[in-house]
Amino acid sequence: MTRFSTLLSVTALLAAALPISPAHAAPPRDVDDLVGARGSSGENALQSRGYRIAKQNGLTNYWWNSAKDQCIRVVTYNGRYDAIDSASDGDCGHGGGNTAAAAVAGVAAIGLIAALASHKKSHGDSSAQHDSEYERGYHDGLYGGDYDRNDSEAYHSGFSAGNAERSNRLAANSQIVRGAPAAAQRACARRGDEFQNVPAGSSVPVSVYPQGGDRYEIIIASGHYRSRCTVTGNGNVMSMDPY
């Protein structure tokens, strides 16, 4: 397995993903106090109130509360919850909407688990304080928060991993990746999890190179690791190699 620098410009991707709408509906009462909260703190608060992440789209996340049958939209800007408003059940993959949205539930948690496990394996750190600092840094990086220059090595490592994951997820939503059929993307992402030995759902496609004859070369990101997947349009993986 090899490490490789991010394929797409983080700066350009983040600029394209920033929310531009100045007006938002009033947030639901059970979460209105979270507007302005740090991304990591807000995520913990939502989970404690029965919400589970249902879909990610750049800096916009959709959360579903099964007890209330309620879907909310959360827009993050500069590491904080900039806006929270009600969304349709379909936005969260319920009520006859896009059921594929539910398949990405827990993406942030999966990425954190994989990144922390890899970091521990490399550095041998395992204290509760270390894990907490790593998680805080990871969420700041993932949600575009400001880097805390006065913090620990664990925070720094977590921030780097979170920032890399953020770039991966933004790249996965790019027009370049959409050039490959969804079946091919899903097949390569699943094979990427197996190839890099990471938790299911950790890997995403970040670049696509059509090969002609209904064949595609898809670059798969699993955290900092990259793989090259050759696949047919209907999802038949022909080869998987380090990139």
Protein backbone atom coordinates (compact mmCIF):
# COMPACT_ATOMS: atom_id res chain seq x y z
CA MET A 1 0.00 0.00 0.00
CA THR A 2 1.27 3.45 -0.83
CA ARG A 3 0.44 6.94 0.33
CA PHE A 4 -0.35 9.55 -2.29
CA SER A 5 -1.13 13.24 -2.15
CA THR A 6 -4.72 14.36 -2.69
CA LEU A 7 -5.62 14.27 -6.38
CA LEU A 8 -7.74 17.40 -6.46
CA SER A 9 -7.03 20.89 -5.14
CA VAL A 10 -8.51 21.17 -1.66
CA THR A 11 -8.79 24.92 -1.98
CA ALA A 12 -10.78 24.77 -5.19
CA LEU A 13 -13.05 22.03 -3.90
CA LEU A 14 -13.81 23.82 -0.66
CA ALA A 15 -14.54 27.08 -2.43
CA ALA A 16 -17.01 25.29 -4.70
CA ALA A 17 -18.70 23.60 -1.75
CA LEU A 18 -19.25 26.62 0.49
CA PRO A 19 -22.92 27.44 1.14
CA ILE A 20 -23.99 30.57 -0.72
CA SER A 21 -27.59 30.99 0.32
CA PRO A 22 -27.89 33.86 2.85
CA ALA A 23 -31.35 32.93 4.08
CA HIS A 24 -32.47 29.80 5.93
CA ALA A 25 -35.73 28.72 7.53
CA ALA A 26 -36.00 28.75 11.30
CA PRO A 27 -34.47 25.57 12.77
CA PRO A 28 -36.69 23.00 14.52
CA ARG A 29 -37.08 23.76 18.22
CA ASP A 30 -35.27 20.65 19.42
CA VAL A 31 -32.05 21.69 17.65
CA ASP A 32 -32.24 25.48 17.41
CA ASP A 33 -29.65 25.86 20.18
CA LEU A 34 -27.03 24.13 18.01
CA VAL A 35 -26.76 26.89 15.41
CA GLY A 36 -23.24 28.24 15.82
CA ALA A 37 -21.93 25.10 17.57
CA ARG A 38 -18.61 23.55 16.55
CA GLY A 39 -19.08 20.70 14.08
CA SER A 40 -17.78 18.04 16.48
CA SER A 41 -19.84 19.30 19.44
CA GLY A 42 -22.95 19.64 17.31
CA GLU A 43 -22.58 16.11 15.97
CA ASN A 44 -22.35 14.68 19.48
CA ALA A 45 -25.39 16.71 20.56
CA LEU A 46 -27.47 15.54 17.61
CA GLN A 47 -26.59 11.91 18.30
CA SER A 48 -27.54 12.30 21.97
CA ARG A 49 -30.94 13.63 20.85
CA GLY A 50 -31.67 10.64 18.67
CA TYR A 51 -30.43 11.85 15.29
CA ARG A 52 -28.31 9.75 12.95
CA ILE A 53 -26.55 11.05 9.86
CA ALA A 54 -28.35 9.96 6.69
CA LYS A 55 -26.58 11.75 3.84
CA GLN A 56 -23.54 13.94 3.21
CA ASN A 57 -23.17 16.38 0.34
CA GLY A 58 -20.06 18.52 0.72
CA LEU A 59 -20.62 20.77 3.74
CA THR A 60 -24.33 19.94 3.96
CA ASN A 61 -25.42 16.96 6.06
CA TYR A 62 -28.89 15.46 6.48
CA TRP A 63 -29.81 13.92 9.85
CA TRP A 64 -32.74 11.59 10.58
CA ASN A 65 -34.55 11.12 13.90
CA SER A 66 -36.49 7.84 13.73
CA ALA A 67 -38.42 8.49 16.97
CA LYS A 68 -39.79 11.76 15.57
CA ASP A 69 -39.80 10.79 11.88
CA GLN A 70 -37.95 14.03 11.30
CA CYS A 71 -35.23 14.96 8.80
CA ILE A 72 -33.09 18.08 9.23
CA ARG A 73 -30.49 19.76 7.05
CA VAL A 74 -27.28 21.04 8.66
CA VAL A 75 -24.94 23.40 6.80
CA THR A 76 -21.41 23.72 8.19
CA TYR A 77 -19.25 26.77 7.54
CA ASN A 78 -15.80 27.47 8.98
CA GLY A 79 -16.11 24.50 11.33
CA ARG A 80 -19.44 25.53 12.88
CA TYR A 81 -23.12 24.82 12.27
CA ASP A 82 -24.12 27.81 10.15
CA ALA A 83 -27.74 26.79 9.53
CA ILE A 84 -30.17 24.05 10.57
CA ASP A 85 -33.59 23.66 9.00
CA SER A 86 -36.24 21.05 8.30
CA ALA A 87 -35.88 18.80 5.25
CA SER A 88 -38.14 16.30 3.53
CA ASP A 89 -38.20 12.66 4.59
CA GLY A 90 -36.90 11.79 1.13
CA ASP A 91 -33.75 13.84 1.76
CA CYS A 92 -32.94 11.37 4.53
CA GLY A 93 -33.88 8.31 2.47
CA HIS A 94 -37.30 7.78 4.06
CA GLY A 95 -40.92 8.11 3.02
CA GLY A 96 -40.42 6.87 -0.54
CA GLY A 97 -37.54 9.24 -1.25
CA ASN A 98 -34.02 8.36 -2.29
CA THR A 99 -33.36 5.10 -0.43
CA ALA A 100 -29.73 5.14 -1.51
CA ALA A 101 -29.17 8.04 0.87
CA ALA A 102 -29.54 5.75 3.87
CA ALA A 103 -26.60 3.66 2.69
CA VAL A 104 -24.13 6.40 3.61
CA ALA A 105 -25.30 6.68 7.22
CA GLY A 106 -22.43 6.93 9.66
CA VAL A 107 -19.83 8.02 7.09
CA ALA A 108 -18.08 10.39 9.48
CA ALA A 109 -17.95 7.78 12.24
CA ILE A 110 -16.62 5.11 9.87
CA GLY A 111 -13.89 7.44 8.63
CA LEU A 112 -12.85 8.33 12.16
CA ILE A 113 -12.67 4.68 13.24
CA ALA A 114 -10.49 3.77 10.26
CA ALA A 115 -8.21 6.79 10.63
CA LEU A 116 -7.73 6.34 14.37
CA ALA A 117 -6.99 2.62 14.00
CA SER A 118 -4.37 3.36 11.34
CA HIS A 119 -2.80 6.07 13.49
CA LYS A 120 -2.60 3.80 16.54
CA LYS A 121 -1.00 1.06 14.47
CA SER A 122 1.68 3.47 13.25
CA HIS A 123 2.34 5.33 16.51
CA GLY A 124 1.30 2.93 19.28
CA ASP A 125 -0.78 5.57 21.11
CA SER A 126 -3.85 4.31 22.94
CA SER A 127 -4.71 6.57 25.90
CA ALA A 128 -8.23 7.96 26.28
CA GLN A 129 -6.88 11.52 26.23
CA HIS A 130 -4.96 10.84 23.01
CA ASP A 131 -8.07 9.39 21.34
CA SER A 132 -10.18 12.35 22.46
CA GLU A 133 -7.69 14.88 21.07
CA TYR A 134 -7.38 12.92 17.83
CA GLU A 135 -11.17 12.84 17.44
CA ARG A 136 -11.45 16.58 18.08
CA GLY A 137 -8.80 17.29 15.45
CA TYR A 138 -10.43 14.88 13.00
CA HIS A 139 -13.80 16.61 13.25
CA ASP A 140 -12.25 20.07 12.92
CA GLY A 141 -10.52 18.94 9.73
CA LEU A 142 -13.58 17.12 8.40
CA TYR A 143 -15.92 20.08 8.94
CA GLY A 144 -13.53 22.81 7.80
CA GLY A 145 -12.76 24.21 11.24
CA ASP A 146 -9.82 26.43 12.12
CA TYR A 147 -6.63 24.58 13.01
CA ASP A 148 -5.72 24.87 16.69
CA ARG A 149 -1.99 25.64 16.49
CA ASN A 150 -1.50 25.31 20.24
CA ASP A 151 -2.75 21.77 20.52
CA SER A 152 -1.22 18.29 20.75
CA GLU A 153 0.37 15.92 18.26
CA ALA A 154 -2.76 13.75 18.47
CA TYR A 155 -4.91 16.74 17.50
CA HIS A 156 -2.57 17.56 14.60
CA SER A 157 -2.71 13.98 13.29
CA GLY A 158 -6.49 13.89 13.62
CA PHE A 159 -6.87 17.22 11.83
CA SER A 160 -4.73 16.01 8.93
CA ALA A 161 -6.76 12.80 8.63
CA GLY A 162 -10.08 14.67 8.83
CA ASN A 163 -8.98 17.19 6.22
CA ALA A 164 -7.93 14.37 3.88
CA GLU A 165 -11.29 12.64 4.37
CA ARG A 166 -13.11 15.90 3.67
CA SER A 167 -11.21 16.28 0.41
CA ASN A 168 -12.01 12.65 -0.49
CA ARG A 169 -15.74 13.13 0.08
CA LEU A 170 -15.85 16.36 -1.91
CA ALA A 171 -13.97 14.71 -4.78
CA ALA A 172 -16.46 11.82 -4.72
CA ASN A 173 -19.23 14.32 -5.53
CA SER A 174 -17.35 15.93 -8.43
CA GLN A 175 -18.37 15.88 -12.09
CA ILE A 176 -15.21 13.89 -12.87
CA VAL A 177 -16.29 10.95 -10.73
CA ARG A 178 -19.85 11.09 -12.04
CA GLY A 179 -18.42 10.16 -15.43
CA ALA A 180 -18.40 6.51 -14.32
CA PRO A 181 -21.62 4.49 -13.84
CA ALA A 182 -22.83 4.24 -10.25
CA ALA A 183 -22.50 0.43 -10.32
CA ALA A 184 -18.82 0.73 -11.22
CA GLN A 185 -18.20 3.29 -8.47
CA ARG A 186 -19.90 1.17 -5.81
CA ALA A 187 -18.08 -2.00 -6.83
CA CYS A 188 -14.67 -0.31 -6.72
CA ALA A 189 -15.43 1.37 -3.38
CA ARG A 190 -16.35 -2.00 -1.83
CA ARG A 191 -13.24 -3.62 -3.27
CA GLY A 192 -11.18 -0.68 -1.96
CA ASP A 193 -12.36 -1.40 1.59
CA GLU A 194 -11.22 -5.02 1.23
CA PHE A 195 -7.96 -4.18 -0.54
CA GLN A 196 -6.86 -1.62 2.06
CA ASN A 197 -8.37 -3.58 4.99
CA VAL A 198 -10.50 -0.69 6.27
CA PRO A 199 -14.06 -0.66 7.70
CA ALA A 200 -16.87 -1.01 5.17
CA GLY A 201 -17.87 2.38 3.77
CA SER A 202 -14.44 3.99 4.24
CA SER A 203 -13.42 4.07 0.57
CA VAL A 204 -14.67 6.50 -2.08
CA PRO A 205 -13.89 7.11 -5.78
CA VAL A 206 -11.93 10.33 -6.33
CA SER A 207 -11.04 10.23 -10.03
CA VAL A 208 -12.17 8.40 -13.17
CA TYR A 209 -10.38 7.59 -16.43
CA PRO A 210 -12.59 6.04 -19.16
CA GLN A 211 -10.69 3.26 -20.95
CA GLY A 212 -13.14 2.69 -23.80
CA GLY A 213 -15.29 -0.36 -24.44
CA ASP A 214 -17.34 0.17 -21.25
CA ARG A 215 -14.22 -0.08 -19.07
CA TYR A 216 -13.09 2.45 -16.49
CA GLU A 217 -10.06 3.06 -14.32
CA ILE A 218 -11.26 4.48 -11.02
CA ILE A 219 -8.91 5.86 -8.37
CA ILE A 220 -10.19 4.90 -4.92
CA ALA A 221 -9.29 6.78 -1.73
CA SER A 222 -9.27 4.96 1.61
CA GLY A 223 -8.17 7.74 3.93
CA HIS A 224 -4.61 8.62 2.87
CA TYR A 225 -4.25 5.44 0.81
CA ARG A 226 -5.00 5.17 -2.92
CA SER A 227 -5.86 2.20 -5.13
CA ARG A 228 -6.39 1.78 -8.88
CA CYS A 229 -9.54 -0.15 -9.79
CA THR A 230 -10.24 -1.37 -13.33
CA VAL A 231 -13.94 -2.09 -13.71
CA THR A 232 -16.71 -2.51 -16.27
CA GLY A 233 -19.74 -0.26 -16.36
CA ASN A 234 -21.94 -2.90 -14.72
CA GLY A 235 -19.60 -3.25 -11.73
CA ASN A 236 -17.38 -6.21 -12.65
CA VAL A 237 -14.01 -5.44 -11.03
CA MET A 238 -11.24 -6.72 -13.30
CA SER A 239 -8.23 -5.68 -11.20
CA MET A 240 -7.27 -3.76 -8.06
CA ASP A 241 -3.75 -2.42 -7.51
CA PRO A 242 -1.90 0.09 -5.31
CA TYR A 243 -1.74 3.57 -6.81
